[in-house]
Amino acid sequence: MGGIIDGGMNRSLSSLVYYQNLLSHEYHTFDESDLMEILAPLPQVSDFSFCR
């Protein structure tokens, strides 16, 4: 891999930053649809962690 993150992985990881901020600052607006969006990219994140 050489430490390079492709576009799909970049989008997946970037979306998780958004949800981290949402949970930290706007947790009262968090709902089930937000949770489902967070869970969707988790397999890609797991793949990324094993590539290091």
Protein backbone atom coordinates (compact mmCIF):
# COMPACT_ATOMS: atom_id res chain seq x y z
CA MET A 1 0.00 0.00 0.00
CA GLY A 2 2.83 2.40 0.63
CA GLY A 3 0.86 4.60 3.04
CA ILE A 4 -1.40 6.01 0.34
CA ILE A 5 -5.12 6.24 1.02
CA ASP A 6 -7.33 5.93 -2.05
CA GLY A 7 -10.38 8.11 -2.68
CA GLY A 8 -12.93 5.63 -1.32
CA MET A 9 -11.02 5.12 1.90
CA ASN A 10 -10.54 8.87 2.23
CA ARG A 11 -14.30 9.45 1.99
CA SER A 12 -15.01 6.70 4.53
CA LEU A 13 -12.51 8.03 7.04
CA SER A 14 -13.59 11.64 6.48
CA SER A 15 -17.22 10.80 7.14
CA LEU A 16 -16.23 9.29 10.47
CA VAL A 17 -14.65 12.62 11.49
CA TYR A 18 -17.99 14.31 10.81
CA TYR A 19 -19.78 11.82 13.05
CA GLN A 20 -17.16 12.15 15.77
CA ASN A 21 -17.90 15.87 15.87
CA LEU A 22 -21.64 15.23 15.76
CA LEU A 23 -21.42 12.88 18.72
CA SER A 24 -19.18 15.25 20.65
CA HIS A 25 -21.10 18.47 20.11
CA GLU A 26 -24.57 17.70 18.78
CA TYR A 27 -25.32 14.36 20.43
CA HIS A 28 -28.89 15.42 21.13
CA THR A 29 -29.60 15.42 17.36
CA PHE A 30 -28.09 11.97 16.80
CA ASP A 31 -30.62 9.36 15.63
CA GLU A 32 -30.84 5.83 14.23
CA SER A 33 -30.15 6.92 10.63
CA ASP A 34 -26.90 8.54 11.79
CA LEU A 35 -25.90 5.29 13.46
CA MET A 36 -26.56 3.33 10.27
CA GLU A 37 -24.40 5.76 8.28
CA ILE A 38 -21.58 5.29 10.78
CA LEU A 39 -21.78 1.50 10.60
CA ALA A 40 -21.69 1.36 6.79
CA PRO A 41 -17.97 2.23 6.30
CA LEU A 42 -16.68 0.18 9.25
CA PRO A 43 -15.55 -2.80 7.11
CA GLN A 44 -13.35 -0.42 5.07
CA VAL A 45 -11.92 1.10 8.24
CA SER A 46 -11.12 -2.40 9.47
CA ASP A 47 -9.37 -3.15 6.15
CA PHE A 48 -7.33 0.04 6.55
CA SER A 49 -6.19 -0.87 10.06
CA PHE A 50 -4.90 -4.26 8.87
CA CYS A 51 -2.92 -2.71 5.98
CA ARG A 52 -0.48 -0.87 8.21
